[in-house]
Amino acid sequence: MKRVVIIGSDFTPSSYPPALRVRFFAQHLAEFGWEPTILTIDPKEYEWEVDKENEHLLPKDLRVIRTPVVPISTTRKLGLGDIGLRSLWHHWRALSKLCRTEQVDLVLIPVPPYYPAIIGRLAHLYYKVPYVVDFIDPWVTLNYWNLPGSQRPVKRTISYGLSRLLEPFALKCVGHIVGVSKATTDGVVDRYSWLSEADATEIPYGAAANDFDYLRAQPRRQSFFTNDDKNFHMSYVGRGGEDMKVALRGLFKAIKKGLNERSEVFQRLRLHFIGTTYAPKADGKYQVMPVAREFGLEDYVSEHPGRVAYLDALQILVDSDALIVPGSDRPHYTASKIFPYILAKKPLLALFHENSSVVRIVTETKAGAVITFNGETGLDAKVDDILNALEQIIVRGSNYETETDWSVVDNYSTRAMTERLAQAFDKAISNNQRYPGAMMRSTPHGEVSRHSES
């Protein structure tokens, strides 16, 4: 059994996407010959609320090492709060100890947070251990200088400059890179001459069916809507933002037209947008309602900007009559929540850029209707398509059998995605031989305990 250390500053019981992704991988890696150790932090150090029940979703024998971090009270004086930066020194010390005293065959660093990526380079430099970087979001924003000045404050400009400096350092000796979409990894490969397409693997988040099994056995109560008011409740749980306004305007144009032309159907429709910011407390920070007001839909659309816990989000999906997923106008964007939407087994409508991997996933799985747009035409020409898809969903209701091809969904399961990751690990070990002096060193195979360590 080979051993991998995963550096995940953001980890369970956090409900943020990086924490979920690390957990999904950790659940299945041993099936493919890799024993994971998670290097993370004490949950009390997060600035956001965590859900302790998420720990029930962890494998009971998973080894988790939790280190201290630089206190937020100290770093805030310098205008810094990044959890990856706060944990950087402590994680490097902990990894160094593991490399000196135990067998470490590989290091995996999911980003964001981004700064821990440099630990991989250091592990290779000092201990000749190969490393893999997993891009959940791009580190370098190539269109940064095309943004308006209001979106380029001094702090963000410094962050951009550091990304251009640190990303090439972090990736100079990387064994392999993986990412949530091919567009994400393509952007990285294109920037650096020492990388090629063979050095990158696309690995979406994957479908975590076991989480829904847990939720159905331990249901929660959500307070955003009730199912006994004779309305038809359609929900979206996830972030909003400027990049989603193309999809939202297309959706709201269709609903406005439906109310004018087919009011007997659309009067029952209620849309709920929940967790549209990354902040747990975001009163008044509306991402969707300003667009809804453009179309006079305040009576049909509600928004709760504050982020909700992972299991609460799943419960909302399960309780909804149907689900809507508006996508970004950025081609590389892949919604991490698309698989929970499929697993909720509800009528589904997705509005995405034609080059997003979500289009392929929804189409292949037959999990719902998907309507695409591009950067030139938007959705103006497809308002009737959206209208007809919505009408069909409302008329058929929430109880009809979905046409989802579950055999195809299995190909996107968290287990299947972890198998891809294990194959990427093997490539990284092989690629490690191309770097001067990068021979695997002999390390002791001591017994390790199966519990959370401090």
Protein backbone atom coordinates (compact mmCIF):
# COMPACT_ATOMS: atom_id res chain seq x y z
CA MET A 1 0.00 0.00 0.00
CA LYS A 2 1.48 3.35 -1.04
CA ARG A 3 0.94 6.39 1.16
CA VAL A 4 -0.21 9.86 0.17
CA VAL A 5 -0.37 12.95 2.36
CA ILE A 6 -3.19 15.32 1.36
CA ILE A 7 -2.66 18.90 2.49
CA GLY A 8 -6.20 20.19 2.96
CA SER A 9 -6.37 23.33 5.10
CA ASP A 10 -10.09 23.33 4.33
CA PHE A 11 -11.43 19.96 5.47
CA THR A 12 -14.31 18.31 7.31
CA PRO A 13 -16.25 19.49 9.28
CA SER A 14 -16.12 22.45 6.88
CA SER A 15 -18.79 22.37 4.16
CA TYR A 16 -16.84 24.34 1.54
CA PRO A 17 -16.08 22.67 -1.84
CA PRO A 18 -12.37 21.99 -1.18
CA ALA A 19 -13.27 20.22 2.07
CA LEU A 20 -15.84 18.05 0.31
CA ARG A 21 -13.45 17.17 -2.51
CA VAL A 22 -10.72 15.97 -0.14
CA ARG A 23 -13.24 13.87 1.78
CA PHE A 24 -14.59 12.29 -1.41
CA PHE A 25 -11.08 11.22 -2.42
CA ALA A 26 -10.14 10.04 1.07
CA GLN A 27 -13.14 7.69 1.19
CA HIS A 28 -11.95 5.58 -1.75
CA LEU A 29 -8.18 5.93 -2.18
CA ALA A 30 -7.39 2.77 -0.23
CA GLU A 31 -9.43 0.75 -2.74
CA PHE A 32 -6.86 1.72 -5.36
CA GLY A 33 -3.72 1.05 -3.38
CA TRP A 34 -3.22 4.45 -1.72
CA GLU A 35 -3.48 5.01 2.03
CA PRO A 36 -4.33 8.68 2.72
CA THR A 37 -3.24 10.87 5.59
CA ILE A 38 -5.01 14.23 5.82
CA LEU A 39 -2.99 17.21 7.00
CA THR A 40 -5.40 19.94 8.09
CA ILE A 41 -6.16 22.34 10.96
CA ASP A 42 -8.25 22.54 14.10
CA PRO A 43 -11.87 23.32 13.08
CA LYS A 44 -12.08 26.15 15.61
CA GLU A 45 -9.63 28.11 13.47
CA TYR A 46 -12.08 28.53 10.57
CA GLU A 47 -13.65 31.96 10.23
CA TRP A 48 -16.84 30.34 9.00
CA GLU A 49 -19.32 28.09 10.77
CA VAL A 50 -18.78 24.36 10.49
CA ASP A 51 -21.22 21.47 10.77
CA LYS A 52 -19.90 18.84 13.17
CA GLU A 53 -22.30 16.28 11.70
CA ASN A 54 -20.12 16.24 8.57
CA GLU A 55 -17.64 14.18 10.59
CA HIS A 56 -20.12 11.28 10.49
CA LEU A 57 -19.43 11.11 6.76
CA LEU A 58 -15.71 10.41 7.24
CA PRO A 59 -14.27 6.88 7.04
CA LYS A 60 -13.79 5.67 10.58
CA ASP A 61 -10.19 4.58 9.95
CA LEU A 62 -9.07 7.76 8.19
CA ARG A 63 -5.91 9.26 9.65
CA VAL A 64 -6.29 13.02 10.20
CA ILE A 65 -3.48 15.22 11.55
CA ARG A 66 -4.67 18.64 12.73
CA THR A 67 -2.03 21.32 13.24
CA PRO A 68 -2.15 24.79 14.80
CA VAL A 69 -2.31 27.89 12.60
CA VAL A 70 -1.21 31.48 12.98
CA PRO A 71 -4.09 33.11 14.90
CA ILE A 72 -6.45 35.21 12.83
CA SER A 73 -6.12 37.99 15.42
CA THR A 74 -2.47 38.29 14.40
CA THR A 75 -2.82 38.05 10.62
CA ARG A 76 -5.78 40.44 10.48
CA LYS A 77 -3.48 43.20 11.69
CA LEU A 78 -1.60 42.69 8.44
CA GLY A 79 -4.80 42.53 6.40
CA LEU A 80 -4.43 38.78 5.86
CA GLY A 81 -6.94 36.02 6.55
CA ASP A 82 -6.18 33.29 4.00
CA ILE A 83 -6.38 29.91 5.74
CA GLY A 84 -3.71 28.43 3.48
CA LEU A 85 -1.26 31.18 4.39
CA ARG A 86 -2.07 30.94 8.10
CA SER A 87 -1.44 27.18 8.12
CA LEU A 88 1.54 27.16 5.72
CA TRP A 89 4.39 26.99 8.23
CA HIS A 90 2.73 24.47 10.53
CA HIS A 91 1.80 22.19 7.62
CA TRP A 92 5.32 22.31 6.23
CA ARG A 93 6.73 21.35 9.63
CA ALA A 94 4.23 18.49 10.01
CA LEU A 95 4.91 17.20 6.48
CA SER A 96 8.66 17.39 7.04
CA LYS A 97 8.31 15.25 10.15
CA LEU A 98 6.24 12.68 8.24
CA CYS A 99 8.80 12.55 5.43
CA ARG A 100 11.65 12.00 7.92
CA THR A 101 9.96 9.36 10.04
CA GLU A 102 7.50 7.49 7.82
CA GLN A 103 6.96 6.31 4.27
CA VAL A 104 5.52 9.15 2.16
CA ASP A 105 5.18 8.18 -1.48
CA LEU A 106 3.37 11.30 -2.70
CA VAL A 107 1.87 14.62 -1.63
CA LEU A 108 -1.46 15.97 -2.98
CA ILE A 109 -2.33 19.65 -2.64
CA PRO A 110 -5.84 20.79 -3.64
CA VAL A 111 -6.10 24.52 -4.43
CA PRO A 112 -7.63 26.83 -3.30
CA PRO A 113 -6.34 27.80 -0.83
CA TYR A 114 -3.41 28.38 -3.16
CA TYR A 115 -0.32 29.08 -1.05
CA PRO A 116 0.07 25.46 0.20
CA ALA A 117 0.95 24.47 -3.39
CA ILE A 118 4.50 25.62 -2.71
CA ILE A 119 4.79 22.90 -0.03
CA GLY A 120 4.73 20.33 -2.82
CA ARG A 121 7.77 21.92 -4.44
CA LEU A 122 9.55 22.02 -1.08
CA ALA A 123 8.74 18.35 -0.39
CA HIS A 124 10.28 17.46 -3.73
CA LEU A 125 13.31 19.68 -3.15
CA TYR A 126 14.13 18.47 0.36
CA TYR A 127 12.81 14.89 0.39
CA LYS A 128 12.53 13.93 -3.31
CA VAL A 129 8.83 13.13 -2.81
CA PRO A 130 6.68 13.61 -5.93
CA TYR A 131 3.62 15.82 -5.68
CA VAL A 132 0.33 16.48 -7.47
CA VAL A 133 -1.59 19.77 -7.50
CA ASP A 134 -5.39 19.63 -7.83
CA PHE A 135 -6.90 22.78 -9.34
CA ILE A 136 -10.44 23.30 -8.05
CA ASP A 137 -10.30 26.91 -9.31
CA PRO A 138 -7.65 28.69 -11.41
CA TRP A 139 -4.90 30.39 -9.43
CA VAL A 140 -3.83 32.88 -12.11
CA THR A 141 -6.57 35.03 -13.62
CA LEU A 142 -5.32 35.86 -17.11
CA ASN A 143 -7.97 38.51 -17.82
CA TYR A 144 -7.15 40.39 -14.62
CA TRP A 145 -5.98 43.59 -16.32
CA ASN A 146 -9.13 43.64 -18.45
CA LEU A 147 -11.27 44.05 -15.34
CA PRO A 148 -12.55 47.53 -14.46
CA GLY A 149 -10.54 49.43 -11.89
CA SER A 150 -13.26 48.97 -9.26
CA GLN A 151 -12.58 45.22 -9.40
CA ARG A 152 -8.81 45.65 -9.03
CA PRO A 153 -8.23 47.02 -5.50
CA VAL A 154 -4.69 47.11 -4.13
CA LYS A 155 -5.08 43.91 -2.09
CA ARG A 156 -6.36 41.99 -5.10
CA THR A 157 -3.58 43.37 -7.30
CA ILE A 158 -0.99 42.13 -4.80
CA SER A 159 -2.71 38.72 -4.75
CA TYR A 160 -2.61 38.60 -8.55
CA GLY A 161 1.09 39.49 -8.58
CA LEU A 162 1.85 36.74 -6.06
CA SER A 163 -0.07 34.20 -8.14
CA ARG A 164 2.05 35.02 -11.20
CA LEU A 165 5.19 34.64 -9.09
CA LEU A 166 4.32 31.60 -6.97
CA GLU A 167 2.40 29.37 -9.39
CA PRO A 168 5.41 28.72 -11.68
CA PHE A 169 7.59 28.08 -8.61
CA ALA A 170 5.04 25.63 -7.20
CA LEU A 171 4.63 23.75 -10.48
CA LYS A 172 8.24 23.63 -11.68
CA CYS A 173 8.77 20.02 -10.54
CA VAL A 174 5.15 18.89 -10.27
CA GLY A 175 4.62 15.22 -11.07
CA HIS A 176 1.10 15.71 -12.43
CA ILE A 177 -1.75 18.20 -12.24
CA VAL A 178 -5.44 17.43 -11.98
CA GLY A 179 -8.44 19.74 -12.14
CA VAL A 180 -12.21 19.82 -11.99
CA SER A 181 -12.41 20.45 -15.74
CA LYS A 182 -10.19 20.14 -18.79
CA ALA A 183 -10.49 23.88 -19.41
CA THR A 184 -9.02 24.47 -15.95
CA THR A 185 -6.00 22.24 -16.51
CA ASP A 186 -5.56 23.46 -20.11
CA GLY A 187 -5.09 26.99 -18.80
CA VAL A 188 -2.29 25.80 -16.52
CA VAL A 189 -0.58 23.65 -19.16
CA ASP A 190 -0.63 26.49 -21.68
CA ARG A 191 1.25 28.78 -19.29
CA TYR A 192 4.30 26.59 -18.71
CA SER A 193 6.62 25.09 -21.30
CA TRP A 194 7.59 22.13 -19.13
CA LEU A 195 3.98 20.86 -18.97
CA SER A 196 2.02 19.05 -21.67
CA GLU A 197 -1.48 17.62 -21.97
CA ALA A 198 -0.09 14.27 -20.83
CA ASP A 199 0.75 15.91 -17.48
CA ALA A 200 -2.89 16.78 -16.72
CA THR A 201 -6.05 14.85 -15.86
CA GLU A 202 -9.63 16.11 -15.66
CA ILE A 203 -11.37 14.90 -12.48
CA PRO A 204 -14.83 16.39 -11.72
CA TYR A 205 -16.12 16.31 -8.16
CA GLY A 206 -18.07 13.10 -8.56
CA ALA A 207 -21.43 11.86 -7.32
CA ALA A 208 -21.50 11.04 -3.59
CA ALA A 209 -24.53 8.75 -3.35
CA ASN A 210 -23.59 7.68 0.19
CA ASP A 211 -24.21 11.21 1.45
CA PHE A 212 -27.81 11.03 0.27
CA ASP A 213 -28.17 7.62 1.91
CA TYR A 214 -27.01 9.17 5.17
CA LEU A 215 -29.37 12.12 4.79
CA ARG A 216 -32.39 9.94 4.10
CA ALA A 217 -31.62 7.97 7.25
CA GLN A 218 -30.97 11.18 9.23
CA PRO A 219 -33.24 13.82 7.64
CA ARG A 220 -32.96 17.49 8.52
CA ARG A 221 -35.53 20.25 8.69
CA GLN A 222 -35.19 23.21 6.34
CA SER A 223 -37.14 26.43 6.81
CA PHE A 224 -36.91 28.08 3.38
CA PHE A 225 -40.22 26.79 2.03
CA THR A 226 -43.01 24.35 2.81
CA ASN A 227 -44.41 21.71 0.50
CA ASP A 228 -48.04 22.02 1.59
CA ASP A 229 -48.86 25.48 0.19
CA LYS A 230 -49.88 24.27 -3.32
CA ASN A 231 -47.02 26.18 -4.94
CA PHE A 232 -44.34 24.58 -7.10
CA HIS A 233 -40.97 25.09 -5.43
CA MET A 234 -37.88 25.17 -7.64
CA SER A 235 -34.52 25.68 -5.91
CA TYR A 236 -30.91 26.52 -6.55
CA VAL A 237 -28.31 26.16 -3.79
CA GLY A 238 -24.94 27.67 -4.63
CA ARG A 239 -23.06 30.84 -5.31
CA GLY A 240 -24.27 33.72 -7.44
CA GLY A 241 -22.26 36.50 -9.06
CA GLU A 242 -21.86 38.75 -12.07
CA ASP A 243 -20.81 35.83 -14.26
CA MET A 244 -24.20 34.17 -13.79
CA LYS A 245 -26.32 37.10 -14.94
CA VAL A 246 -26.54 35.82 -18.53
CA ALA A 247 -28.18 32.61 -17.30
CA LEU A 248 -30.38 34.43 -14.77
CA ARG A 249 -31.66 36.97 -17.29
CA GLY A 250 -32.53 34.21 -19.73
CA LEU A 251 -34.38 32.36 -16.99
CA PHE A 252 -36.30 35.39 -15.74
CA LYS A 253 -37.24 36.49 -19.26
CA ALA A 254 -38.77 33.06 -19.80
CA ILE A 255 -40.69 33.19 -16.51
CA LYS A 256 -41.97 36.70 -17.23
CA LYS A 257 -43.20 35.51 -20.61
CA GLY A 258 -44.77 32.45 -19.00
CA LEU A 259 -46.66 34.61 -16.50
CA ASN A 260 -47.99 36.77 -19.34
CA GLU A 261 -48.91 33.96 -21.72
CA ARG A 262 -49.53 30.89 -19.54
CA SER A 263 -50.38 32.31 -16.15
CA GLU A 264 -52.44 29.26 -15.09
CA VAL A 265 -49.18 27.26 -15.10
CA PHE A 266 -46.60 29.80 -13.96
CA GLN A 267 -48.57 31.48 -11.14
CA ARG A 268 -47.67 28.50 -8.92
CA LEU A 269 -43.94 28.74 -9.55
CA ARG A 270 -41.68 29.86 -6.70
CA LEU A 271 -37.91 30.06 -7.17
CA HIS A 272 -35.55 29.91 -4.20
CA PHE A 273 -31.88 30.92 -4.47
CA ILE A 274 -30.01 29.87 -1.34
CA GLY A 275 -26.38 30.27 -0.28
CA THR A 276 -25.53 32.68 -3.09
CA THR A 277 -22.45 34.08 -1.32
CA TYR A 278 -19.52 32.36 0.36
CA ALA A 279 -20.29 34.11 3.63
CA PRO A 280 -22.45 32.35 6.26
CA LYS A 281 -23.84 35.73 7.31
CA ALA A 282 -24.55 37.87 4.26
CA ASP A 283 -27.74 39.79 4.99
CA GLY A 284 -28.45 42.20 2.17
CA LYS A 285 -25.67 40.93 -0.11
CA TYR A 286 -28.08 39.88 -2.82
CA GLN A 287 -26.72 38.30 -5.98
CA VAL A 288 -30.00 37.31 -7.66
CA MET A 289 -32.76 39.64 -6.46
CA PRO A 290 -31.50 42.73 -8.35
CA VAL A 291 -31.85 40.75 -11.59
CA ALA A 292 -35.27 39.43 -10.55
CA ARG A 293 -36.43 43.00 -9.89
CA GLU A 294 -35.48 43.97 -13.46
CA PHE A 295 -38.31 41.68 -14.55
CA GLY A 296 -40.75 42.46 -11.73
CA LEU A 297 -40.51 38.97 -10.25
CA GLU A 298 -40.12 39.83 -6.57
CA ASP A 299 -43.27 37.86 -5.72
CA TYR A 300 -41.96 34.72 -7.39
CA VAL A 301 -38.26 34.77 -6.48
CA SER A 302 -36.63 34.66 -3.04
CA GLU A 303 -32.97 34.76 -2.12
CA HIS A 304 -31.04 33.80 1.02
CA PRO A 305 -27.45 34.99 0.40
CA GLY A 306 -25.89 33.31 3.45
CA ARG A 307 -24.10 30.04 2.81
CA VAL A 308 -25.76 26.93 4.24
CA ALA A 309 -24.14 23.75 5.53
CA TYR A 310 -23.57 20.87 3.14
CA LEU A 311 -26.20 18.53 4.60
CA ASP A 312 -28.71 21.39 4.81
CA ALA A 313 -28.08 22.04 1.11
CA LEU A 314 -28.78 18.41 0.25
CA GLN A 315 -32.01 18.51 2.28
CA ILE A 316 -33.21 21.56 0.36
CA LEU A 317 -32.61 19.73 -2.92
CA VAL A 318 -34.50 16.66 -1.72
CA ASP A 319 -37.45 18.76 -0.47
CA SER A 320 -37.78 20.80 -3.69
CA ASP A 321 -40.29 20.01 -6.42
CA ALA A 322 -37.66 20.73 -9.08
CA LEU A 323 -34.14 22.15 -9.39
CA ILE A 324 -32.57 24.92 -11.46
CA VAL A 325 -28.82 25.39 -12.02
CA PRO A 326 -27.74 28.69 -13.64
CA GLY A 327 -24.18 28.52 -14.92
CA SER A 328 -21.34 30.96 -15.37
CA ASP A 329 -20.51 32.78 -18.59
CA ARG A 330 -16.94 31.47 -18.18
CA PRO A 331 -16.35 28.40 -20.39
CA HIS A 332 -14.11 26.63 -17.85
CA TYR A 333 -16.71 26.76 -15.08
CA THR A 334 -17.92 23.43 -13.78
CA ALA A 335 -20.49 23.53 -11.00
CA SER A 336 -19.31 21.39 -8.10
CA LYS A 337 -22.93 20.97 -7.07
CA ILE A 338 -24.14 19.34 -10.31
CA PHE A 339 -23.86 15.80 -8.96
CA PRO A 340 -25.92 16.46 -5.82
CA TYR A 341 -28.55 17.92 -8.15
CA ILE A 342 -28.56 14.70 -10.15
CA LEU A 343 -28.60 12.47 -7.06
CA ALA A 344 -31.56 14.38 -5.59
CA LYS A 345 -33.67 12.66 -8.30
CA LYS A 346 -35.75 15.75 -9.06
CA PRO A 347 -36.70 17.42 -12.38
CA LEU A 348 -33.67 19.46 -13.39
CA LEU A 349 -33.06 22.42 -15.69
CA ALA A 350 -29.47 23.59 -16.30
CA LEU A 351 -28.46 26.79 -18.14
CA PHE A 352 -24.74 26.68 -18.98
CA HIS A 353 -22.08 27.92 -21.34
CA GLU A 354 -21.85 25.46 -24.22
CA ASN A 355 -18.21 24.64 -23.38
CA SER A 356 -18.82 23.83 -19.72
CA SER A 357 -18.29 20.21 -18.67
CA VAL A 358 -21.70 20.38 -16.98
CA VAL A 359 -23.36 20.29 -20.41
CA ARG A 360 -21.65 17.00 -21.21
CA ILE A 361 -22.40 15.50 -17.80
CA VAL A 362 -26.12 16.35 -17.78
CA THR A 363 -26.50 15.22 -21.38
CA GLU A 364 -24.69 11.93 -20.91
CA THR A 365 -26.58 11.05 -17.72
CA LYS A 366 -29.96 12.19 -19.13
CA ALA A 367 -30.54 13.76 -15.72
CA GLY A 368 -32.46 16.77 -16.98
CA ALA A 369 -32.86 19.48 -19.58
CA VAL A 370 -29.80 21.55 -20.45
CA ILE A 371 -29.94 24.77 -22.46
CA THR A 372 -26.67 26.31 -23.59
CA PHE A 373 -25.37 29.76 -24.45
CA ASN A 374 -22.07 31.29 -25.53
CA GLY A 375 -20.31 34.59 -25.03
CA GLU A 376 -21.75 36.17 -28.15
CA THR A 377 -25.47 35.41 -28.18
CA GLY A 378 -26.38 34.75 -24.57
CA LEU A 379 -29.84 33.26 -24.07
CA ASP A 380 -32.02 35.82 -25.85
CA ALA A 381 -32.67 33.43 -28.72
CA LYS A 382 -33.54 30.57 -26.37
CA VAL A 383 -36.17 32.16 -24.14
CA ASP A 384 -38.88 29.97 -25.67
CA ASP A 385 -36.76 26.86 -25.09
CA ILE A 386 -36.42 27.76 -21.41
CA LEU A 387 -40.13 28.57 -21.21
CA ASN A 388 -41.14 25.21 -22.68
CA ALA A 389 -38.72 23.30 -20.44
CA LEU A 390 -40.07 25.05 -17.34
CA GLU A 391 -43.69 24.45 -18.37
CA GLN A 392 -43.04 20.75 -18.91
CA ILE A 393 -41.41 20.47 -15.50
CA ILE A 394 -44.26 22.27 -13.71
CA VAL A 395 -47.02 20.36 -15.50
CA ARG A 396 -45.41 16.97 -14.97
CA GLY A 397 -44.79 17.78 -11.31
CA SER A 398 -42.17 16.55 -8.87
CA ASN A 399 -43.29 12.93 -8.64
CA TYR A 400 -42.63 11.72 -12.15
CA GLU A 401 -39.85 9.19 -12.72
CA THR A 402 -36.66 10.81 -13.94
CA GLU A 403 -35.02 9.40 -17.05
CA THR A 404 -31.55 9.46 -15.51
CA ASP A 405 -29.20 6.75 -16.75
CA TRP A 406 -27.76 5.62 -13.43
CA SER A 407 -25.19 3.37 -15.09
CA VAL A 408 -23.67 6.51 -16.61
CA VAL A 409 -23.90 8.34 -13.27
CA ASP A 410 -21.84 5.49 -11.79
CA ASN A 411 -19.07 6.46 -14.21
CA TYR A 412 -19.00 9.85 -12.45
CA SER A 413 -19.21 8.52 -8.89
CA THR A 414 -16.74 9.70 -6.28
CA ARG A 415 -15.25 6.20 -6.42
CA ALA A 416 -14.74 6.44 -10.19
CA MET A 417 -13.20 9.90 -9.84
CA THR A 418 -10.86 8.62 -7.14
CA GLU A 419 -9.74 5.82 -9.44
CA ARG A 420 -8.73 8.52 -11.94
CA LEU A 421 -6.82 10.27 -9.16
CA ALA A 422 -4.96 7.07 -8.23
CA GLN A 423 -3.93 6.69 -11.88
CA ALA A 424 -2.68 10.30 -11.82
CA PHE A 425 -0.64 9.45 -8.72
CA ASP A 426 1.03 6.59 -10.57
CA LYS A 427 1.87 8.96 -13.44
CA ALA A 428 3.34 11.44 -10.98
CA ILE A 429 5.66 8.81 -9.53
CA SER A 430 6.75 7.86 -13.03
CA ASN A 431 7.23 11.50 -14.06
CA ASN A 432 9.27 12.15 -10.95
CA GLN A 433 12.18 10.37 -12.60
CA ARG A 434 12.55 13.17 -15.17
CA TYR A 435 13.67 15.67 -12.55
CA PRO A 436 17.37 15.59 -11.59
CA GLY A 437 18.00 13.67 -8.37
CA ALA A 438 14.31 12.82 -7.96
CA MET A 439 14.74 9.22 -6.85
CA MET A 440 12.38 7.93 -4.19
CA ARG A 441 14.21 7.69 -0.92
CA SER A 442 13.87 4.74 1.42
CA THR A 443 11.78 5.51 4.49
CA PRO A 444 10.64 3.43 7.46
CA HIS A 445 7.32 1.63 7.28
CA GLY A 446 6.22 2.24 10.84
CA GLU A 447 2.73 1.44 12.08
CA VAL A 448 0.38 4.43 12.16
CA SER A 449 -2.58 5.00 14.42
CA ARG A 450 -6.09 5.41 13.01
CA HIS A 451 -7.36 8.52 14.71
CA SER A 452 -7.31 12.28 14.58
CA GLU A 453 -4.01 13.62 15.86
CA SER A 454 -3.18 17.02 17.31
